[in-house]
Protein backbone atom coordinates (compact mmCIF):
# COMPACT_ATOMS: atom_id res chain seq x y z
CA MET A 1 -19.76 -51.59 43.98
CA ASN A 2 -18.99 -52.30 40.60
CA THR A 3 -16.52 -50.21 38.20
CA LYS A 4 -19.33 -49.56 36.25
CA ASN A 5 -21.00 -47.73 38.94
CA SER A 6 -18.36 -46.33 40.49
CA LEU A 7 -17.67 -44.07 37.43
CA SER A 8 -21.43 -43.03 37.23
CA LEU A 9 -21.65 -42.13 40.36
CA GLY A 10 -18.13 -39.62 40.12
CA LEU A 11 -19.54 -38.15 36.72
CA ILE A 12 -22.67 -37.26 38.67
CA CYS A 13 -20.47 -35.98 41.68
CA LEU A 14 -18.46 -34.09 39.07
CA PHE A 15 -21.76 -32.58 37.37
CA PHE A 16 -22.86 -31.58 40.54
CA LEU A 17 -19.48 -29.81 41.48
CA ILE A 18 -19.37 -27.92 38.24
CA ASN A 19 -22.80 -26.40 38.65
CA ALA A 20 -22.24 -25.96 42.53
CA CYS A 21 -19.13 -24.01 41.53
CA GLU A 22 -21.32 -21.78 38.75
CA SER A 23 -22.08 -18.40 39.87
CA ALA A 24 -25.92 -17.24 39.59
CA VAL A 25 -24.25 -14.65 36.85
CA MET A 26 -22.78 -17.32 35.12
CA ARG A 27 -26.04 -19.39 35.17
CA ASP A 28 -28.33 -16.71 34.14
CA PHE A 29 -25.44 -15.77 31.07
CA ASN A 30 -25.94 -18.75 29.90
CA ASN A 31 -29.85 -19.27 30.46
CA HIS A 32 -30.15 -16.22 28.23
CA MET A 33 -27.26 -17.04 25.39
CA ALA A 34 -28.53 -20.68 24.91
CA GLY A 35 -31.93 -18.67 22.78
CA ASN A 36 -29.16 -16.50 21.65
CA ASP A 37 -30.56 -13.53 23.37
CA PHE A 38 -28.25 -11.28 23.10
CA ARG A 39 -30.11 -8.07 23.94
CA SER A 40 -31.46 -9.31 27.28
CA ALA A 41 -27.98 -11.34 28.35
CA LYS A 42 -26.55 -7.37 28.51
CA GLN A 43 -29.38 -6.15 30.22
CA MET A 44 -28.50 -8.63 32.95
CA LEU A 45 -25.01 -7.94 32.65
CA GLU A 46 -25.43 -4.19 32.68
CA THR A 47 -27.66 -4.50 36.54
CA GLU A 48 -24.65 -6.52 37.42
CA LEU A 49 -21.93 -4.11 36.48
CA SER A 50 -24.29 -1.35 37.92
CA GLN A 51 -24.16 -2.88 41.35
CA ASN A 52 -20.24 -4.63 40.87
CA PRO A 53 -18.48 -2.33 38.42
CA ASN A 54 -15.23 -4.33 39.07
CA SER A 55 -16.86 -7.43 38.70
CA ALA A 56 -13.95 -10.08 36.58
CA GLU A 57 -16.68 -12.19 35.56
CA ALA A 58 -19.32 -9.74 34.69
CA ASN A 59 -16.89 -8.11 32.85
CA TYR A 60 -15.89 -11.02 31.07
CA LEU A 61 -19.24 -11.94 30.30
CA MET A 62 -19.82 -8.72 28.34
CA GLY A 63 -16.82 -8.97 26.09
CA ASN A 64 -17.64 -12.03 25.41
CA VAL A 65 -21.31 -11.00 24.04
CA LEU A 66 -19.81 -7.70 22.56
CA SER A 67 -17.25 -10.14 20.47
CA ARG A 68 -20.08 -12.47 19.39
CA GLU A 69 -21.78 -9.21 17.46
CA LYS A 70 -19.11 -7.91 16.52
CA GLN A 71 -18.20 -5.13 18.51
CA TYR A 72 -15.12 -5.74 19.09
CA GLU A 73 -13.52 -2.31 20.34
CA GLU A 74 -15.76 -2.20 23.46
CA ALA A 75 -15.47 -6.02 23.51
CA ASN A 76 -12.15 -5.32 24.52
CA SER A 77 -12.78 -2.59 27.20
CA TYR A 78 -14.56 -4.96 29.07
CA PHE A 79 -11.63 -7.56 28.74
CA GLU A 80 -9.22 -5.46 30.34
CA ARG A 81 -11.40 -4.29 33.08
CA SER A 82 -11.75 -7.93 33.86
CA LEU A 83 -8.16 -8.48 33.51
CA ASN A 84 -7.35 -5.34 35.66
CA SER A 85 -9.60 -6.89 38.79
CA SER A 86 -8.40 -10.58 38.22
CA SER A 87 -6.43 -13.04 36.07
CA MET A 88 -9.00 -15.83 36.36
CA TYR A 89 -10.38 -15.17 33.02
CA ARG A 90 -7.19 -14.29 31.11
CA GLU A 91 -7.29 -17.49 29.12
CA HIS A 92 -10.80 -17.51 28.13
CA ILE A 93 -10.03 -13.84 27.02
CA GLU A 94 -6.88 -14.93 25.31
CA TYR A 95 -9.03 -17.87 23.43
CA LEU A 96 -11.94 -15.83 22.61
CA LYS A 97 -9.53 -12.80 21.00
CA GLU A 98 -7.55 -15.06 19.07
CA ARG A 99 -10.17 -17.41 17.49
CA ASN A 100 -12.08 -14.15 16.49
CA TYR A 101 -9.07 -12.51 14.98
CA ARG A 102 -8.01 -15.99 12.96
CA LEU A 103 -12.23 -15.84 11.67
CA GLU A 104 -11.90 -12.29 10.44
CA LEU A 105 -8.69 -12.46 9.04
CA ASN A 106 -9.76 -15.81 7.17
CA ALA A 107 -12.51 -14.28 6.01
CA GLY A 108 -10.91 -11.41 4.67
CA LEU A 109 -7.99 -13.35 2.72
CA ASP A 110 -10.90 -15.01 1.06
CA THR A 111 -12.77 -12.09 0.00
CA ARG A 112 -9.20 -10.42 -1.23
CA GLU A 113 -9.13 -13.48 -3.64
CA ARG A 114 -12.22 -13.06 -4.83
CA GLU A 115 -11.60 -9.21 -5.46
CA ARG A 116 -14.54 -8.15 -3.16
CA PHE A 117 -12.28 -5.07 -1.44
CA SER A 118 -15.67 -3.82 0.30
CA ASP A 119 -15.98 -7.08 2.17
CA THR A 120 -12.14 -7.18 2.63
CA ALA A 121 -12.02 -4.00 4.04
CA ARG A 122 -14.68 -4.98 6.84
CA TYR A 123 -13.27 -8.15 7.96
CA PHE A 124 -9.74 -7.04 8.23
CA THR A 125 -11.21 -3.59 10.04
CA TYR A 126 -12.57 -5.99 12.28
CA ALA A 127 -9.16 -8.22 12.74
CA SER A 128 -7.63 -4.87 13.35
CA GLN A 129 -9.88 -4.20 16.53
CA ILE A 130 -9.41 -7.15 17.95
CA PHE A 131 -5.98 -6.72 18.07
CA PRO A 132 -4.68 -3.20 17.15
CA ASP A 133 -1.00 -3.24 17.57
CA ARG A 134 -0.68 -6.70 14.73
CA VAL A 135 0.52 -5.01 11.99
CA GLU A 136 0.41 -7.78 9.77
CA VAL A 137 -3.65 -6.49 8.88
CA TYR A 138 -2.59 -2.67 7.88
CA PRO A 139 -1.32 -3.42 4.28
CA THR A 140 -3.36 -5.42 3.07
CA LEU A 141 -6.54 -3.38 4.82
CA GLY A 142 -5.36 -0.03 3.50
CA ASN A 143 -4.45 -2.01 -0.16
CA ALA A 144 -8.60 -2.64 0.15
CA PHE A 145 -9.65 0.76 0.67
CA THR A 146 -7.17 1.99 -2.53
CA GLU A 147 -9.01 -0.37 -4.65
CA LEU A 148 -12.36 1.13 -3.33
CA GLU A 149 -10.23 4.41 -4.18
CA ASP A 150 -10.85 5.89 -0.77
CA HIS A 151 -7.50 7.36 -0.43
CA GLU A 152 -8.16 9.16 2.67
CA GLN A 153 -9.16 6.39 4.76
CA ALA A 154 -6.28 4.00 3.30
CA GLN A 155 -4.09 6.79 4.60
CA GLN A 156 -5.44 6.52 8.43
CA VAL A 157 -4.78 2.66 8.18
CA TYR A 158 -1.26 3.24 7.47
CA LEU A 159 -0.68 6.16 9.64
CA GLN A 160 -1.95 3.62 12.51
CA CYS A 161 -0.14 1.17 11.35
CA LEU A 162 3.00 3.41 12.12
CA ASP A 163 1.70 4.29 15.15
CA HIS A 164 2.33 0.55 16.39
CA ASP A 165 5.44 0.35 14.29
CA ALA A 166 7.29 3.57 13.77
CA GLU A 167 9.75 1.83 10.57
CA ASN A 168 6.98 -0.81 9.03
CA PHE A 169 8.08 -0.66 5.54
CA HIS A 170 5.17 -1.96 3.87
CA CYS A 171 2.76 0.72 5.48
CA GLY A 172 5.13 3.83 5.05
CA LEU A 173 5.87 2.53 1.09
CA ASN A 174 1.95 2.43 0.96
CA LEU A 175 0.95 5.45 2.38
CA ALA A 176 3.67 7.49 0.45
CA GLU A 177 1.90 5.90 -2.89
CA SER A 178 -1.21 6.55 -1.58
CA TYR A 179 -0.49 10.58 -1.21
CA PHE A 180 0.99 10.54 -4.67
CA ASN A 181 -2.87 9.10 -6.08
CA SER A 182 -4.44 11.57 -3.82
CA GLU A 183 -2.56 14.74 -5.32
CA GLU A 184 -1.07 15.23 -1.98
CA TYR A 185 2.39 15.45 -3.39
CA GLU A 186 4.47 17.87 -0.22
CA LYS A 187 3.05 14.88 1.76
CA ALA A 188 4.32 12.38 -0.49
CA VAL A 189 7.80 14.00 -0.50
CA GLU A 190 7.69 14.09 3.52
CA THR A 191 6.95 10.45 3.55
CA SER A 192 9.19 9.19 0.73
CA LEU A 193 12.20 11.16 2.79
CA GLU A 194 11.25 9.80 6.17
CA PHE A 195 11.58 6.23 4.91
CA LEU A 196 14.88 6.66 3.07
CA LYS A 197 16.11 7.17 5.89
CA HIS A 198 15.54 3.86 7.03
CA PHE A 199 15.50 1.89 3.57
CA PRO A 200 18.08 4.41 1.56
CA SER A 201 18.12 1.84 -1.52
CA ASN A 202 14.45 1.47 -2.40
CA HIS A 203 14.06 2.51 -5.92
CA THR A 204 10.16 2.58 -5.60
CA LEU A 205 10.42 5.18 -2.79
CA TYR A 206 13.10 7.14 -4.71
CA LYS A 207 10.59 6.95 -8.11
CA ILE A 208 7.42 8.34 -6.01
CA LEU A 209 10.09 10.69 -4.56
CA ALA A 210 11.35 11.64 -8.11
CA TYR A 211 7.27 12.38 -9.38
CA SER A 212 6.18 14.00 -6.92
CA HIS A 213 9.20 16.78 -7.18
CA LEU A 214 7.96 16.78 -10.94
CA GLU A 215 4.30 17.76 -10.28
CA ILE A 216 5.38 20.47 -7.38
CA GLY A 217 8.06 21.61 -10.34
CA ASN A 218 10.82 20.93 -8.17
CA PHE A 219 12.31 19.59 -11.56
CA SER A 220 16.09 19.79 -9.84
CA ASP A 221 15.32 17.83 -7.07
CA ALA A 222 13.35 15.40 -9.43
CA VAL A 223 16.39 14.48 -11.32
CA ASP A 224 18.25 13.64 -8.19
CA ALA A 225 15.90 11.52 -6.99
CA PHE A 226 16.16 9.85 -10.00
CA TYR A 227 19.34 9.19 -10.10
CA GLN A 228 19.86 7.92 -7.07
CA LYS A 229 16.78 5.70 -8.03
CA LEU A 230 19.21 4.75 -11.19
CA ASP A 231 22.03 3.47 -8.70
CA TYR A 232 19.71 0.39 -7.12
CA ARG A 233 17.10 -0.44 -9.94
CA SER A 234 15.87 1.36 -13.18
CA ASN A 235 14.61 -0.54 -15.98
CA TYR A 236 14.82 0.88 -19.68
CA HIS A 237 11.01 1.68 -20.03
CA SER A 238 11.07 3.54 -16.33
CA VAL A 239 13.85 5.93 -17.93
CA LYS A 240 12.93 6.58 -20.77
CA GLN A 241 9.09 7.38 -19.36
CA PHE A 242 11.10 9.89 -16.83
CA ALA A 243 12.83 11.63 -19.83
CA ASN A 244 9.44 11.81 -21.90
CA GLU A 245 7.88 13.53 -18.47
CA LEU A 246 10.63 16.02 -18.63
CA ASN A 247 10.66 17.02 -22.11
CA ASN A 248 6.39 17.09 -22.21
CA LEU A 249 6.93 19.66 -18.91
CA GLY A 250 9.63 21.63 -21.57
CA GLU A 251 12.90 20.63 -19.84
CA ILE A 252 14.84 19.52 -22.60
CA TYR A 253 18.37 20.31 -21.04
CA ARG A 254 17.43 18.10 -18.31
CA ALA A 255 15.46 15.56 -20.17
CA GLU A 256 18.79 14.84 -22.68
CA PRO A 257 21.09 12.91 -20.85
CA PHE A 258 18.19 10.61 -19.86
CA TYR A 259 17.43 9.98 -23.21
CA ARG A 260 21.27 8.88 -24.03
CA ILE A 261 20.88 6.51 -21.38
CA CYS A 262 18.25 4.89 -23.41
CA LEU A 263 19.85 5.01 -26.36
CA GLN A 264 22.72 3.15 -24.75
CA ARG A 265 20.87 0.34 -23.88
CA MET A 266 18.34 0.22 -26.96
CA PRO A 267 20.53 2.21 -29.53
CA GLY A 268 17.48 1.72 -32.29
CA ASP A 269 14.59 3.41 -30.12
CA GLN A 270 13.49 5.45 -32.77
CA ASP A 271 11.00 7.85 -30.28
CA VAL A 272 14.34 8.48 -28.50
CA LEU A 273 16.19 9.25 -31.46
CA SER A 274 13.28 11.68 -32.67
CA ALA A 275 13.19 13.14 -28.89
CA LEU A 276 16.91 14.26 -29.32
CA SER A 277 16.62 15.34 -33.00
CA TYR A 278 13.92 17.93 -31.67
CA ILE A 279 15.87 18.55 -28.45
CA TYR A 280 19.06 19.21 -30.51
CA LEU A 281 17.62 21.47 -32.95
CA GLU A 282 16.02 23.50 -29.73
CA THR A 283 19.63 23.75 -28.38
CA GLY A 284 21.26 24.49 -31.60
CA ASN A 285 23.36 21.22 -31.10
CA PHE A 286 23.44 20.64 -35.05
CA GLY A 287 25.84 18.19 -35.02
CA LEU A 288 24.57 15.73 -32.65
CA MET A 289 20.82 16.55 -34.66
CA VAL A 290 22.50 15.05 -37.66
CA GLU A 291 23.46 12.23 -35.58
CA ALA A 292 20.34 11.66 -34.78
CA ASN A 293 18.70 11.57 -38.20
CA GLN A 294 21.19 9.83 -39.81
CA ARG A 295 20.77 6.89 -37.23
CA LEU A 296 16.87 7.45 -38.23
CA VAL A 297 17.10 7.34 -42.06
CA ALA A 298 19.66 4.15 -41.68
CA LEU A 299 16.40 2.53 -39.80
CA ASN A 300 13.74 3.93 -42.22
CA PRO A 301 15.71 4.26 -45.38
CA GLU A 302 12.23 5.05 -47.78
CA ASN A 303 11.26 7.51 -45.38
CA ARG A 304 11.39 10.99 -46.83
CA ARG A 305 10.00 12.92 -44.17
CA LEU A 306 13.09 11.28 -42.26
CA LYS A 307 15.28 12.35 -45.20
CA GLU A 308 13.63 16.12 -45.14
CA ASN A 309 14.66 16.56 -41.59
CA LEU A 310 18.26 15.27 -42.09
CA MET A 311 18.76 17.50 -44.99
CA LEU A 312 18.12 20.34 -42.37
CA ALA A 313 20.01 18.93 -40.28
CA TYR A 314 23.06 19.13 -42.77
CA GLU A 315 22.13 23.00 -43.78
CA LEU A 316 22.02 24.03 -40.16
CA ASN A 317 25.18 22.27 -39.14
CA GLY A 318 26.70 24.12 -42.57
CA ASP A 319 27.72 20.64 -44.26
CA ILE A 320 26.84 21.81 -47.52
CA ASP A 321 28.14 18.76 -49.87
CA ASN A 322 25.79 16.65 -47.56
CA TYR A 323 22.91 18.97 -48.04
CA ARG A 324 23.12 19.38 -51.76
CA ALA A 325 23.51 15.39 -52.36
CA LEU A 326 20.47 14.73 -50.37
CA LYS A 327 18.46 17.72 -51.84
CA SER A 328 19.32 16.24 -55.19
CA ASP A 329 18.11 12.46 -54.08
CA LEU A 330 14.96 14.03 -52.75
CA GLY A 331 14.29 15.58 -56.30
CA LEU A 332 14.23 19.29 -54.82
CA ASP A 333 16.90 21.10 -56.94
């Protein structure tokens, strides 16, 4: 017998050997699936499982067909039953789950780049159902729901993430921010404080904490939290905004130190100088009121209204000579 004939005979034998090893359940399953007849495949497997609930093969195949229908949570339950009965299909199950996970993850990333957040949420939800303990999907999934303004669903996603990884920074930070955005300020405070235990130098958590306290009316706690934020990081705009928030809420004594921090960084900010002039008028610090208005007039020497404010500051501070000189300059004698 020549080599070519030997090889052909070997292949024929291998074919018959494989088919001889294939079970009746597998043959029936493949026949149904050849025509993508998922419904009849499941009916056949349900019959098999009713007779043999612990069949590793039937449970694996049921998980397989459910995966193709993207019913991943239910598929996992059948995969688990298969593995509890036998390790025979472990590699097949691991391959199917990993493949499906990557397909859903990549589809989700693609739709996120296109800002199709509803599709992103759908694909990343599928990925999280395949491997619930892979927390890499949860921040993006939660963000997709946030973009869709579904804060409740976003919070559920972050809580699910934290069930698997209690100190996950991204999920903890996003959860605190989500509570703030949905006006659940007490929960925002609680979550921020919890994660500051693990990440004590994170300025964003301090900002969420500070503004949550502001919304609740805990002004002293808000100021304390913002001072801690300053210790780690705070840009000029952030400090000015916080001072404005306090000022607008009538907390002028608490706003004043933050405005002075602003002046140290940007001495010519006219908004800050005007705010300080008003605060010093209200608090009776007329000497500082004079100083603030002098700086404003120096920046705007032709502005009559600012000169009138400075004249008032001179008068209130008892500086009669400068008051009269400015009054004469304005033609108000």
